[in-house]
N, C-alpha and C. Protein backbone atom coordinates (compact mmCIF):
# COMPACT_ATOMS: atom_id res chain seq x y z
N MET A 1 -25.58 18.08 17.55
CA MET A 1 -24.85 17.79 18.96
C MET A 1 -24.10 18.56 19.10
N SER A 2 -24.47 18.74 21.22
CA SER A 2 -23.40 19.83 21.17
C SER A 2 -21.79 19.46 22.00
N GLN A 3 -20.90 20.48 22.06
CA GLN A 3 -19.82 19.74 22.37
C GLN A 3 -19.24 18.64 23.61
N THR A 4 -20.10 19.39 24.91
CA THR A 4 -20.35 18.16 25.71
C THR A 4 -20.37 16.60 25.40
N GLN A 5 -21.58 16.72 24.79
CA GLN A 5 -22.01 14.96 23.52
C GLN A 5 -20.92 15.02 22.80
N THR A 6 -20.48 15.46 21.62
CA THR A 6 -19.05 14.91 21.12
C THR A 6 -17.93 13.95 22.30
N HIS A 7 -17.91 15.03 23.64
CA HIS A 7 -16.82 14.87 23.92
C HIS A 7 -17.17 14.10 25.53
N ALA A 8 -18.10 12.94 25.30
CA ALA A 8 -18.41 12.41 26.35
C ALA A 8 -17.56 10.76 26.14
N GLY A 9 -17.72 10.54 27.35
CA GLY A 9 -16.66 9.13 27.34
C GLY A 9 -14.98 9.95 27.95
N LEU A 10 -14.46 9.22 27.37
CA LEU A 10 -13.08 9.06 28.13
C LEU A 10 -11.94 10.07 28.26
N ALA A 11 -10.87 10.61 28.68
CA ALA A 11 -11.74 11.91 28.65
C ALA A 11 -9.20 10.96 27.95
N ARG A 12 -8.42 12.65 26.99
CA ARG A 12 -7.61 12.06 25.85
C ARG A 12 -6.67 11.54 26.35
N LEU A 13 -6.06 11.10 28.03
CA LEU A 13 -5.50 10.87 28.67
C LEU A 13 -5.39 9.19 29.49
N GLN A 14 -6.80 9.49 29.02
CA GLN A 14 -7.16 8.05 29.46
C GLN A 14 -7.81 6.64 28.41
N ILE A 15 -7.54 7.73 26.70
CA ILE A 15 -7.38 6.78 25.58
C ILE A 15 -6.46 6.43 25.59
N ALA A 16 -5.63 7.17 26.28
CA ALA A 16 -3.62 7.13 25.74
C ALA A 16 -3.53 5.46 26.22
N GLN A 17 -4.36 5.40 28.09
CA GLN A 17 -3.86 4.87 28.70
C GLN A 17 -4.14 3.77 28.41
N ARG A 18 -5.69 3.62 27.59
CA ARG A 18 -5.95 2.28 27.66
C ARG A 18 -5.31 2.08 26.32
N VAL A 19 -4.46 2.71 25.47
CA VAL A 19 -4.15 1.55 24.23
C VAL A 19 -2.30 1.99 24.67
N ALA A 20 -2.41 1.95 25.38
CA ALA A 20 -0.84 0.82 26.58
C ALA A 20 -0.94 0.44 26.32
N GLN A 21 -2.46 -0.16 26.66
CA GLN A 21 -2.13 -1.77 27.63
C GLN A 21 -1.92 -2.67 26.78
N ASP A 22 -2.42 -1.96 25.50
CA ASP A 22 -1.92 -3.61 24.25
C ASP A 22 -1.09 -3.31 23.75
N LEU A 23 -0.11 -2.87 23.86
CA LEU A 23 1.19 -3.26 23.44
C LEU A 23 2.70 -3.82 23.99
N GLN A 24 3.11 -4.64 23.78
CA GLN A 24 3.70 -5.27 23.60
C GLN A 24 4.75 -5.75 24.23
N ASP A 25 5.28 -7.01 25.01
CA ASP A 25 6.67 -6.23 25.24
C ASP A 25 7.73 -6.12 24.41
N GLY A 26 8.22 -5.34 24.03
CA GLY A 26 10.31 -5.11 23.97
C GLY A 26 9.37 -4.46 22.30
N ALA A 27 8.16 -3.83 22.39
CA ALA A 27 7.78 -3.95 20.71
C ALA A 27 8.36 -1.87 20.43
N VAL A 28 8.37 -1.50 19.43
CA VAL A 28 8.65 -0.53 18.39
C VAL A 28 8.26 0.58 18.28
N VAL A 29 6.91 1.70 18.75
CA VAL A 29 6.24 2.27 18.59
C VAL A 29 6.31 3.62 18.30
N ASN A 30 5.90 3.63 17.02
CA ASN A 30 6.08 5.05 16.98
C ASN A 30 4.55 5.92 16.77
N LEU A 31 4.57 6.99 17.13
CA LEU A 31 3.70 8.06 17.51
C LEU A 31 3.52 8.96 16.78
N GLY A 32 2.22 8.96 16.96
CA GLY A 32 1.55 10.14 15.26
C GLY A 32 1.98 11.27 15.66
N ILE A 33 1.98 12.90 15.54
CA ILE A 33 1.57 14.37 16.27
C ILE A 33 -0.30 14.15 16.52
N GLY A 34 0.42 15.03 17.31
CA GLY A 34 -0.85 14.50 17.93
C GLY A 34 -2.04 14.62 19.21
N MET A 35 -2.70 13.49 18.91
CA MET A 35 -3.33 12.39 20.19
C MET A 35 -2.01 11.54 20.80
N PRO A 36 -2.13 11.00 19.94
CA PRO A 36 -0.93 9.76 19.56
C PRO A 36 -0.21 10.04 20.88
N GLU A 37 0.58 11.51 21.31
CA GLU A 37 2.44 11.82 21.48
C GLU A 37 1.64 11.63 22.85
N LEU A 38 1.17 11.19 24.16
CA LEU A 38 0.05 11.48 24.91
C LEU A 38 0.39 9.86 24.73
N VAL A 39 0.60 8.78 24.46
CA VAL A 39 1.07 7.80 24.93
C VAL A 39 1.84 7.53 25.32
N ALA A 40 2.95 8.41 24.72
CA ALA A 40 4.07 8.69 25.86
C ALA A 40 4.21 8.35 26.64
N ASN A 41 2.91 8.51 27.95
CA ASN A 41 3.15 8.91 29.19
C ASN A 41 2.74 7.88 29.89
N PHE A 42 2.75 6.34 29.25
CA PHE A 42 2.26 5.35 30.09
C PHE A 42 3.30 4.42 29.14
N VAL A 43 4.03 3.71 30.49
CA VAL A 43 4.70 2.12 29.89
C VAL A 43 3.97 1.07 31.14
N PRO A 44 4.25 0.40 30.57
CA PRO A 44 3.50 -0.95 32.37
C PRO A 44 4.06 -0.74 32.07
N LYS A 45 4.70 -1.19 33.95
CA LYS A 45 5.35 -1.54 34.10
C LYS A 45 6.12 -3.04 34.11
N ASP A 46 5.73 -4.03 33.80
CA ASP A 46 5.77 -4.97 33.73
C ASP A 46 6.45 -5.23 31.90
N ARG A 47 6.35 -4.14 31.14
CA ARG A 47 7.03 -4.18 29.58
C ARG A 47 7.60 -3.42 29.40
N GLU A 48 7.99 -2.91 28.64
CA GLU A 48 9.25 -2.88 28.12
C GLU A 48 8.90 -1.65 26.50
N ILE A 49 9.34 -0.64 26.27
CA ILE A 49 8.09 -0.24 24.85
C ILE A 49 9.19 0.56 24.80
N ARG A 50 10.07 1.00 23.42
CA ARG A 50 10.81 1.99 22.87
C ARG A 50 9.72 2.66 21.46
N TYR A 51 9.34 4.07 22.08
CA TYR A 51 8.46 4.75 21.71
C TYR A 51 9.88 5.99 20.13
N HIS A 52 8.94 5.43 19.45
CA HIS A 52 10.13 5.89 18.00
C HIS A 52 9.67 7.00 17.47
N SER A 53 10.16 8.45 17.62
CA SER A 53 10.14 9.42 16.87
C SER A 53 10.86 9.89 14.93
N GLU A 54 10.22 10.03 14.10
CA GLU A 54 10.26 9.88 13.37
C GLU A 54 11.41 10.57 12.92
N ASN A 55 12.00 11.89 13.96
CA ASN A 55 12.96 12.42 13.55
C ASN A 55 14.22 12.48 14.37
N GLY A 56 14.37 10.94 14.71
CA GLY A 56 15.30 10.96 15.26
C GLY A 56 15.44 9.99 16.32
N VAL A 57 14.84 9.67 17.33
CA VAL A 57 15.23 9.07 18.78
C VAL A 57 14.21 7.88 18.43
N LEU A 58 14.37 6.87 19.13
CA LEU A 58 13.96 6.01 20.06
C LEU A 58 14.34 5.83 21.59
N GLY A 59 13.53 5.43 21.71
CA GLY A 59 13.36 5.09 23.43
C GLY A 59 12.70 6.80 23.94
N PHE A 60 11.55 7.47 23.45
CA PHE A 60 11.44 8.80 24.51
C PHE A 60 10.07 7.82 25.51
N GLY A 61 10.43 8.76 26.84
CA GLY A 61 9.40 8.79 27.18
C GLY A 61 8.34 9.32 27.44
N ALA A 62 7.61 10.10 28.58
CA ALA A 62 6.74 10.66 28.94
C ALA A 62 7.25 12.22 28.77
N ILE A 63 6.19 13.45 28.07
CA ILE A 63 6.15 14.66 28.15
C ILE A 63 7.02 15.46 28.86
N ALA A 64 8.15 16.16 28.53
CA ALA A 64 8.73 16.84 29.96
C ALA A 64 7.25 17.52 30.56
N ALA A 65 7.73 17.31 31.62
CA ALA A 65 7.69 18.66 32.48
C ALA A 65 7.37 20.32 32.82
N LYS A 66 6.56 20.97 33.33
CA LYS A 66 6.89 22.24 33.12
C LYS A 66 8.44 22.65 33.64
N GLY A 67 9.29 23.95 33.31
CA GLY A 67 9.69 23.33 34.06
C GLY A 67 11.15 23.09 33.22
N GLU A 68 10.63 22.03 32.89
CA GLU A 68 12.05 20.77 33.21
C GLU A 68 12.45 20.44 31.41
N GLU A 69 11.54 20.77 30.69
CA GLU A 69 11.89 21.20 29.15
C GLU A 69 13.79 21.50 29.03
N ASP A 70 13.67 20.33 27.27
CA ASP A 70 14.73 20.59 27.02
C ASP A 70 14.79 21.25 25.89
N PRO A 71 15.01 22.04 24.73
CA PRO A 71 15.45 22.31 23.85
C PRO A 71 15.23 21.54 23.18
N GLU A 72 16.97 21.13 23.13
CA GLU A 72 17.22 19.72 22.38
C GLU A 72 16.07 18.47 22.02
N LEU A 73 15.40 18.41 23.05
CA LEU A 73 14.89 17.10 23.44
C LEU A 73 13.68 17.30 22.86
N ILE A 74 12.93 16.90 21.60
CA ILE A 74 12.19 16.74 21.52
C ILE A 74 10.82 15.44 20.30
N ASN A 75 10.27 15.75 20.05
CA ASN A 75 9.47 14.67 19.01
C ASN A 75 9.34 15.53 17.51
N ALA A 76 8.38 14.44 17.47
CA ALA A 76 8.13 15.27 16.18
C ALA A 76 6.92 16.46 15.57
N GLY A 77 6.14 16.68 16.72
CA GLY A 77 5.56 16.70 17.06
C GLY A 77 6.14 18.04 17.47
N LYS A 78 7.09 18.12 17.92
CA LYS A 78 8.30 20.39 18.90
C LYS A 78 7.63 19.94 19.86
N LYS A 79 6.79 18.73 20.63
CA LYS A 79 6.68 18.39 21.61
C LYS A 79 8.64 18.36 22.87
N PRO A 80 8.31 18.73 23.49
CA PRO A 80 9.34 18.78 24.39
C PRO A 80 8.51 16.84 25.37
N ILE A 81 10.42 16.42 25.43
CA ILE A 81 10.44 14.80 25.83
C ILE A 81 11.14 14.48 26.94
N THR A 82 11.22 13.09 28.14
CA THR A 82 12.34 13.09 28.15
C THR A 82 13.06 11.88 27.91
N LEU A 83 13.95 10.97 28.22
CA LEU A 83 13.88 9.72 28.14
C LEU A 83 14.08 8.54 28.93
N LEU A 84 14.28 7.48 27.89
CA LEU A 84 14.84 6.65 28.96
C LEU A 84 15.43 5.86 28.91
N PRO A 85 16.09 4.67 29.99
CA PRO A 85 17.83 3.90 29.48
C PRO A 85 17.68 3.30 29.24
N GLY A 86 18.63 3.69 28.19
CA GLY A 86 18.98 2.99 26.52
C GLY A 86 18.86 3.61 25.35
N ALA A 87 17.49 4.77 25.51
CA ALA A 87 17.62 5.69 23.76
C ALA A 87 18.35 6.61 23.18
N ALA A 88 18.60 6.41 21.87
CA ALA A 88 19.26 6.78 20.73
C ALA A 88 18.64 7.51 20.34
N PHE A 89 19.73 8.09 19.88
CA PHE A 89 19.41 9.85 18.18
C PHE A 89 20.07 8.83 17.18
N PHE A 90 19.53 9.37 15.70
CA PHE A 90 20.08 9.26 14.70
C PHE A 90 19.90 10.04 14.00
N HIS A 91 20.07 10.17 12.57
CA HIS A 91 19.57 10.70 11.79
C HIS A 91 18.00 10.54 11.40
N GLN A 92 18.13 12.05 10.77
CA GLN A 92 16.04 11.77 10.27
C GLN A 92 15.79 10.25 8.97
N ALA A 93 17.24 10.02 8.01
CA ALA A 93 16.89 9.36 7.04
C ALA A 93 17.37 8.13 7.92
N ASP A 94 18.73 8.01 8.80
CA ASP A 94 17.88 6.54 9.40
C ASP A 94 16.48 6.14 9.66
N SER A 95 16.08 7.17 9.89
CA SER A 95 14.85 6.82 11.13
C SER A 95 13.53 6.26 10.26
N PHE A 96 13.58 7.34 9.34
CA PHE A 96 13.07 7.32 7.61
C PHE A 96 12.71 5.84 7.60
N ALA A 97 14.27 4.99 7.35
CA ALA A 97 14.79 4.01 6.80
C ALA A 97 14.28 2.91 7.49
N MET A 98 13.86 3.09 9.40
CA MET A 98 13.36 2.53 9.36
C MET A 98 12.45 1.92 9.81
N ILE A 99 10.92 2.89 9.57
CA ILE A 99 10.60 3.04 9.15
C ILE A 99 9.67 2.66 7.54
N ARG A 100 10.75 2.16 6.06
CA ARG A 100 10.10 2.22 5.25
C ARG A 100 10.69 0.41 5.03
N GLY A 101 11.90 -0.08 5.86
CA GLY A 101 12.07 -1.34 6.30
C GLY A 101 11.55 -2.50 7.19
N GLY A 102 10.25 -2.16 7.64
CA GLY A 102 9.17 -2.56 8.37
C GLY A 102 9.77 -2.83 9.89
N HIS A 103 10.52 -1.84 10.34
CA HIS A 103 10.49 -1.93 11.59
C HIS A 103 10.94 -1.11 12.58
N ILE A 104 9.50 -1.22 12.74
CA ILE A 104 8.22 -0.49 13.30
C ILE A 104 6.86 -1.18 13.78
N ASP A 105 6.94 -2.38 14.67
CA ASP A 105 5.65 -2.65 15.35
C ASP A 105 4.46 -2.08 15.18
N VAL A 106 4.80 -1.12 15.23
CA VAL A 106 2.58 0.01 15.91
C VAL A 106 3.56 1.07 15.45
N CYS A 107 2.65 1.50 14.80
CA CYS A 107 2.02 3.46 14.22
C CYS A 107 0.49 3.40 15.04
N ILE A 108 1.14 4.27 15.93
CA ILE A 108 -0.68 4.81 16.16
C ILE A 108 -0.77 6.64 15.75
N LEU A 109 -1.99 6.13 14.97
CA LEU A 109 -2.09 7.52 14.18
C LEU A 109 -3.33 8.37 15.07
N GLY A 110 -3.64 10.29 14.47
CA GLY A 110 -4.83 10.67 14.67
C GLY A 110 -5.28 10.36 12.88
N ALA A 111 -6.56 10.94 13.01
CA ALA A 111 -6.91 9.87 11.45
C ALA A 111 -9.16 11.22 11.50
N MET A 112 -9.13 11.88 11.30
CA MET A 112 -9.89 12.60 10.05
C MET A 112 -10.56 11.83 9.98
N GLN A 113 -10.55 10.17 9.44
CA GLN A 113 -11.99 9.98 9.21
C GLN A 113 -11.76 8.17 8.74
N VAL A 114 -11.64 6.86 8.89
CA VAL A 114 -11.79 6.11 8.88
C VAL A 114 -12.50 5.30 8.81
N ALA A 115 -12.23 4.36 7.59
CA ALA A 115 -13.57 3.59 6.23
C ALA A 115 -13.71 2.17 7.53
N GLU A 116 -14.70 1.59 6.91
CA GLU A 116 -15.33 0.07 7.45
C GLU A 116 -13.67 -1.54 7.25
N ASN A 117 -12.92 -0.57 6.19
CA ASN A 117 -11.95 -1.29 5.16
C ASN A 117 -10.62 -0.75 5.32
N GLY A 118 -10.42 -0.30 6.76
CA GLY A 118 -9.24 0.05 7.49
C GLY A 118 -8.69 1.34 6.42
N ASP A 119 -9.57 1.63 6.11
CA ASP A 119 -8.72 3.11 4.26
C ASP A 119 -8.16 4.68 5.86
N ILE A 120 -7.72 5.24 5.62
CA ILE A 120 -7.14 6.05 6.62
C ILE A 120 -7.05 7.18 5.93
N ALA A 121 -7.73 9.32 6.34
CA ALA A 121 -7.45 9.92 5.61
C ALA A 121 -7.35 10.80 6.79
N ASN A 122 -5.82 10.88 7.11
CA ASN A 122 -5.48 11.91 7.96
C ASN A 122 -4.86 13.04 8.10
N TRP A 123 -4.52 13.26 6.43
CA TRP A 123 -3.81 14.85 6.29
C TRP A 123 -3.90 15.97 6.03
N SER A 124 -5.08 15.40 5.21
CA SER A 124 -6.02 16.80 4.34
C SER A 124 -6.96 16.74 4.72
N THR A 125 -8.63 17.94 4.27
CA THR A 125 -9.97 17.58 3.95
C THR A 125 -10.04 17.25 2.90
N GLY A 126 -8.80 18.32 1.53
CA GLY A 126 -8.60 18.43 0.34
C GLY A 126 -9.84 19.64 -0.61
N ALA A 127 -9.48 20.58 0.79
CA ALA A 127 -10.50 22.16 0.60
C ALA A 127 -9.60 22.70 -0.31
N ALA A 128 -9.97 23.42 -1.41
CA ALA A 128 -9.05 23.97 -1.68
C ALA A 128 -7.69 24.99 -0.24
N ASP A 129 -7.99 25.69 0.25
CA ASP A 129 -7.37 25.63 1.14
C ASP A 129 -7.38 25.66 2.56
N ALA A 130 -7.01 23.89 2.42
CA ALA A 130 -6.41 23.20 3.12
C ALA A 130 -5.13 23.46 2.88
N ILE A 131 -4.26 23.17 4.92
CA ILE A 131 -2.62 23.08 3.99
C ILE A 131 -1.76 21.47 3.99
N PRO A 132 -1.68 21.74 3.36
CA PRO A 132 -0.74 20.26 3.00
C PRO A 132 0.12 19.87 4.49
N ALA A 133 -0.16 18.49 5.05
CA ALA A 133 0.62 18.17 6.11
C ALA A 133 0.68 16.87 6.13
N VAL A 134 0.76 16.17 4.40
CA VAL A 134 1.23 14.82 4.65
C VAL A 134 2.00 13.93 5.88
N GLY A 135 3.80 14.32 6.02
CA GLY A 135 4.02 14.47 7.09
C GLY A 135 4.57 13.09 6.10
N GLY A 136 5.15 12.27 7.76
CA GLY A 136 6.32 10.53 7.58
C GLY A 136 4.32 10.03 7.65
N ALA A 137 3.28 10.46 8.02
CA ALA A 137 2.61 9.84 7.26
C ALA A 137 2.16 8.35 6.41
N MET A 138 2.06 8.99 5.46
CA MET A 138 2.75 7.58 4.10
C MET A 138 3.01 6.78 4.27
N ASP A 139 4.34 7.51 4.42
CA ASP A 139 5.74 6.59 4.92
C ASP A 139 5.29 5.35 5.92
N LEU A 140 4.80 5.97 6.89
CA LEU A 140 4.36 4.95 7.96
C LEU A 140 3.36 3.59 8.25
N VAL A 141 2.16 4.46 7.34
CA VAL A 141 0.96 3.59 6.75
C VAL A 141 1.15 2.29 5.52
N ALA A 142 2.46 2.55 4.69
CA ALA A 142 2.87 1.90 4.80
C ALA A 142 4.66 0.77 5.07
N GLY A 143 5.03 1.22 6.34
CA GLY A 143 5.90 0.38 6.55
C GLY A 143 5.69 0.38 7.96
N ALA A 144 5.09 0.50 9.02
CA ALA A 144 5.33 0.31 10.27
C ALA A 144 3.99 -1.51 9.81
N ARG A 145 4.34 -2.14 11.63
CA ARG A 145 3.84 -4.07 10.51
C ARG A 145 1.85 -3.47 11.10
N GLU A 146 1.94 -2.56 11.75
CA GLU A 146 0.41 -2.21 12.50
C GLU A 146 0.78 -0.95 12.50
N ILE A 147 -1.23 -1.15 12.30
CA ILE A 147 -1.89 0.98 12.36
C ILE A 147 -2.70 0.51 12.98
N TRP A 148 -2.73 1.92 13.66
CA TRP A 148 -4.06 1.69 15.71
C TRP A 148 -4.56 3.20 15.08
N VAL A 149 -5.40 3.43 14.91
CA VAL A 149 -5.61 5.35 15.12
C VAL A 149 -6.44 5.51 16.68
N MET A 150 -6.24 6.29 17.10
CA MET A 150 -6.24 7.34 18.46
C MET A 150 -7.18 8.64 17.74
N THR A 151 -8.70 7.97 18.44
CA THR A 151 -8.85 9.76 17.84
C THR A 151 -10.46 9.87 18.30
N ASP A 152 -10.91 10.79 18.83
CA ASP A 152 -12.85 11.60 19.07
C ASP A 152 -13.01 10.22 18.38
N HIS A 153 -14.71 9.66 18.77
CA HIS A 153 -15.36 9.24 18.04
C HIS A 153 -15.96 10.45 16.37
N THR A 154 -16.04 11.17 17.27
CA THR A 154 -16.67 12.26 16.59
C THR A 154 -16.25 13.39 16.40
N THR A 155 -16.51 14.14 15.42
CA THR A 155 -15.96 15.86 15.06
C THR A 155 -16.36 16.82 16.00
N ARG A 156 -16.19 17.61 16.26
CA ARG A 156 -16.31 18.85 17.65
C ARG A 156 -17.89 19.51 17.18
N GLU A 157 -18.34 19.22 15.54
CA GLU A 157 -19.56 19.17 15.42
C GLU A 157 -20.70 17.79 15.39
N GLY A 158 -19.98 17.16 15.90
CA GLY A 158 -20.62 16.45 15.81
C GLY A 158 -20.73 14.96 14.98
N ALA A 159 -19.74 15.68 13.76
CA ALA A 159 -20.32 14.36 12.23
C ALA A 159 -19.61 13.37 12.93
N PRO A 160 -19.47 11.92 12.25
CA PRO A 160 -18.72 10.09 12.61
C PRO A 160 -17.18 10.77 11.93
N LYS A 161 -16.20 10.56 12.05
CA LYS A 161 -14.71 9.67 12.00
C LYS A 161 -15.23 8.44 11.80
N LEU A 162 -15.99 7.40 12.34
CA LEU A 162 -15.71 6.07 11.80
C LEU A 162 -16.43 6.21 10.47
N VAL A 163 -16.36 6.07 9.14
CA VAL A 163 -16.95 5.75 8.48
C VAL A 163 -17.36 4.83 7.90
N THR A 164 -17.88 4.25 6.18
CA THR A 164 -18.40 3.59 5.30
C THR A 164 -17.38 3.79 4.11
N ARG A 165 -17.44 5.38 3.72
CA ARG A 165 -16.22 5.45 2.75
C ARG A 165 -15.30 7.14 3.20
N CYS A 166 -14.27 6.86 3.18
CA CYS A 166 -13.93 8.11 2.76
C CYS A 166 -13.69 9.12 1.61
N SER A 167 -14.06 10.42 2.12
CA SER A 167 -15.08 11.13 1.49
C SER A 167 -13.02 12.25 1.93
N TYR A 168 -12.33 11.79 2.75
CA TYR A 168 -11.85 13.13 1.99
C TYR A 168 -10.33 12.66 1.90
N PRO A 169 -9.19 13.08 0.90
CA PRO A 169 -8.10 12.61 0.41
C PRO A 169 -7.53 11.47 1.15
N LEU A 170 -6.62 9.87 0.55
CA LEU A 170 -6.70 9.19 2.36
C LEU A 170 -5.66 8.26 1.95
N THR A 171 -5.22 8.87 3.17
CA THR A 171 -2.87 8.14 4.02
C THR A 171 -3.21 6.66 3.31
N GLY A 172 -4.34 6.56 3.21
CA GLY A 172 -3.56 4.79 3.20
C GLY A 172 -4.42 4.12 2.84
N LYS A 173 -4.83 3.15 2.12
CA LYS A 173 -5.64 1.94 2.24
C LYS A 173 -5.75 0.59 2.57
N ALA A 174 -7.22 0.37 3.51
CA ALA A 174 -7.17 -0.41 4.00
C ALA A 174 -5.85 -1.46 4.82
N VAL A 175 -5.05 0.10 6.13
CA VAL A 175 -4.34 -0.58 6.89
C VAL A 175 -4.92 -0.36 7.87
N VAL A 176 -4.95 0.03 8.53
CA VAL A 176 -5.76 0.66 9.53
C VAL A 176 -6.32 -0.71 10.79
N ARG A 177 -6.54 -0.83 11.48
CA ARG A 177 -6.46 -2.16 12.15
C ARG A 177 -7.33 -2.34 13.66
N ARG A 178 -7.15 -1.18 14.29
CA ARG A 178 -7.27 -1.56 15.82
C ARG A 178 -8.32 0.12 15.56
N ILE A 179 -9.11 1.49 16.33
CA ILE A 179 -9.61 2.52 16.36
C ILE A 179 -9.56 2.54 17.94
N TYR A 180 -9.39 3.51 18.92
CA TYR A 180 -9.40 3.58 20.19
C TYR A 180 -9.35 5.07 19.79
N SER A 181 -11.46 5.26 20.74
CA SER A 181 -11.91 6.68 20.78
C SER A 181 -12.16 6.65 22.06
N ASN A 182 -12.54 7.58 22.29
CA ASN A 182 -13.33 8.78 23.93
C ASN A 182 -14.13 7.49 23.91
N LEU A 183 -14.92 6.21 23.03
CA LEU A 183 -16.51 5.83 23.47
C LEU A 183 -16.19 4.22 23.10
N ALA A 184 -14.67 3.85 22.22
CA ALA A 184 -14.80 3.08 22.50
C ALA A 184 -13.81 2.16 21.61
N VAL A 185 -13.24 0.29 21.61
CA VAL A 185 -11.91 0.46 21.56
C VAL A 185 -13.05 -0.62 20.09
N ILE A 186 -12.47 -1.05 19.13
CA ILE A 186 -12.95 -1.62 17.86
C ILE A 186 -11.68 -1.71 17.08
N GLU A 187 -11.76 -3.22 16.41
CA GLU A 187 -11.80 -3.68 16.03
C GLU A 187 -11.66 -4.17 14.30
N VAL A 188 -10.81 -3.44 13.36
CA VAL A 188 -10.99 -3.10 11.93
C VAL A 188 -11.30 -4.53 11.65
N GLY A 189 -11.50 -5.71 10.90
CA GLY A 189 -11.50 -7.08 10.41
C GLY A 189 -12.67 -7.50 9.34
N ASP A 190 -12.55 -8.24 9.21
CA ASP A 190 -13.99 -8.60 8.42
C ASP A 190 -15.64 -8.64 9.39
N PRO A 191 -16.30 -8.53 9.47
CA PRO A 191 -16.80 -8.12 8.08
C PRO A 191 -17.07 -6.32 8.49
N GLY A 192 -16.05 -6.01 9.36
CA GLY A 192 -15.81 -4.45 8.66
C GLY A 192 -16.03 -3.68 10.81
N PHE A 193 -16.23 -2.95 11.47
CA PHE A 193 -16.01 -2.50 12.76
C PHE A 193 -16.90 -3.59 13.75
N ILE A 194 -15.79 -4.45 14.33
CA ILE A 194 -15.83 -5.04 15.51
C ILE A 194 -16.17 -4.35 15.98
N VAL A 195 -16.92 -3.88 17.28
CA VAL A 195 -16.86 -3.08 18.63
C VAL A 195 -16.42 -4.46 19.14
N LYS A 196 -15.67 -3.93 20.20
CA LYS A 196 -14.73 -5.30 21.41
C LYS A 196 -15.03 -4.09 23.06
N GLU A 197 -14.74 -3.01 22.91
CA GLU A 197 -15.51 -3.13 24.66
C GLU A 197 -15.89 -1.41 24.84
N LEU A 198 -16.13 -1.14 25.11
CA LEU A 198 -18.13 0.19 25.26
C LEU A 198 -16.91 1.17 26.54
N ALA A 199 -16.69 2.44 26.47
CA ALA A 199 -16.50 3.25 27.55
C ALA A 199 -17.97 3.95 28.49
N ALA A 200 -17.54 3.48 29.77
CA ALA A 200 -18.77 2.70 30.55
C ALA A 200 -19.83 4.51 30.12
N GLY A 201 -20.56 3.60 30.19
CA GLY A 201 -22.16 4.98 30.31
C GLY A 201 -22.81 5.03 28.70
N VAL A 202 -21.58 4.19 27.66
CA VAL A 202 -22.13 4.77 26.00
C VAL A 202 -22.13 2.69 25.62
N SER A 203 -24.13 3.03 25.50
CA SER A 203 -23.94 1.38 25.00
C SER A 203 -24.08 1.55 22.71
N LEU A 204 -24.49 0.38 22.95
CA LEU A 204 -23.90 -0.38 21.45
C LEU A 204 -24.78 0.63 20.67
N GLU A 205 -25.92 0.67 20.66
CA GLU A 205 -26.94 1.71 19.78
C GLU A 205 -26.57 3.84 19.90
N ARG A 206 -25.78 4.33 20.91
CA ARG A 206 -25.30 5.50 20.93
C ARG A 206 -24.02 5.09 20.36
N LEU A 207 -23.45 3.68 20.39
CA LEU A 207 -22.42 4.05 19.58
C LEU A 207 -22.25 4.29 18.20
N GLN A 208 -23.51 4.00 17.85
CA GLN A 208 -23.51 3.39 16.45
C GLN A 208 -24.57 4.95 15.95
N GLU A 209 -25.30 5.11 15.92
CA GLU A 209 -26.13 6.15 16.46
C GLU A 209 -24.58 7.08 15.80
N LEU A 210 -23.56 6.97 15.86
CA LEU A 210 -22.21 7.68 15.89
C LEU A 210 -21.66 7.73 14.97
N THR A 211 -21.58 7.18 14.65
CA THR A 211 -21.10 6.17 13.80
C THR A 211 -21.19 6.12 12.45
N ASP A 212 -21.01 6.79 11.21
CA ASP A 212 -21.65 6.31 9.42
C ASP A 212 -21.15 4.88 8.75
N ALA A 213 -21.25 3.55 9.65
CA ALA A 213 -20.72 2.63 9.21
C ALA A 213 -21.38 1.49 9.91
N PRO A 214 -21.80 0.81 9.21
CA PRO A 214 -22.88 -0.07 10.71
C PRO A 214 -21.16 -0.97 11.47
N LEU A 215 -22.08 -1.37 12.84
CA LEU A 215 -20.72 -2.10 14.07
C LEU A 215 -21.37 -3.11 13.97
N HIS A 216 -20.30 -3.76 14.35
CA HIS A 216 -20.83 -5.82 14.70
C HIS A 216 -19.96 -6.08 15.93
N VAL A 217 -20.72 -6.88 15.98
CA VAL A 217 -20.35 -8.14 17.26
C VAL A 217 -19.81 -8.80 17.40
N HIS A 218 -19.13 -10.10 18.23
CA HIS A 218 -19.19 -11.13 17.86
C HIS A 218 -19.81 -11.88 19.54
N VAL A 219 -20.78 -12.55 18.98
CA VAL A 219 -21.92 -13.16 19.81
C VAL A 219 -21.04 -13.98 20.72
N SER A 220 -20.27 -14.41 20.70
CA SER A 220 -19.55 -15.04 21.61
C SER A 220 -18.67 -14.87 22.91
N GLU A 221 -18.44 -12.78 21.74
CA GLU A 221 -17.13 -11.76 22.76
C GLU A 221 -18.47 -10.94 22.51
N PRO A 222 -19.74 -10.24 23.48
CA PRO A 222 -19.88 -9.23 23.36
C PRO A 222 -19.06 -8.54 23.35
N PRO A 223 -19.12 -6.90 23.76
CA PRO A 223 -18.08 -5.71 23.96
C PRO A 223 -18.23 -5.54 25.07
N ARG A 224 -17.11 -5.21 26.39
CA ARG A 224 -17.22 -5.08 27.52
C ARG A 224 -17.19 -4.12 27.80
N GLU A 225 -16.23 -2.97 29.52
CA GLU A 225 -16.44 -1.93 30.15
C GLU A 225 -15.19 -1.94 29.24
N ILE A 226 -14.37 -0.82 29.18
CA ILE A 226 -12.89 -0.42 29.16
C ILE A 226 -13.08 -0.23 30.86
N LEU A 227 -12.18 -0.88 31.19
CA LEU A 227 -11.12 -0.69 32.75
C LEU A 227 -9.75 -0.42 32.02
N LEU A 228 -9.35 1.43 32.93
CA LEU A 228 -7.85 1.12 33.00
C LEU A 228 -7.15 1.18 34.64
């Protein structure tokens, strides 16, 4: 599979925009390092979303524009951020107390693999030369009320990221509830991967070819096209 085929469908900013559409008014939302950081660029006008970063900030906004960065204002991925009215700073220990105390409504993470039962692997391939990078992910999957994944549907080489069973070391077991990829919006539940929306030009058959686990649809609610 070519890289063009792998990255068909939505661009990363479009995935971030689609994720933001599902955030509830007043939600406290932790954004993981990498692709999920882009979600901070989008806050629906009719809602107040409080984005949280484990390095100790609540209420930040979009990534700072070039030339307007403040080195004192960064997220956990060391990206320059902007602040929204009412933003707050606190010690990293307090930030993790918020996470471990169940005060995060939604955590949005990237992933190397997600299994059909909701297992997630997002910190290591398990290879001997892999760099350990757990970060706060294990605290987040245990403490946040809901875990959503934002990811390309396949690797750059075309290997499926949505699998029957994770082959990489797990970050958490049976925790993922939704997946937002460049090709689809998928819920994780009974009986597994349930396709809710498809990117324009992507068929259910094509999506299944790129997924290493059975896909399911509700007869009463067939997949609709992703709208932004």
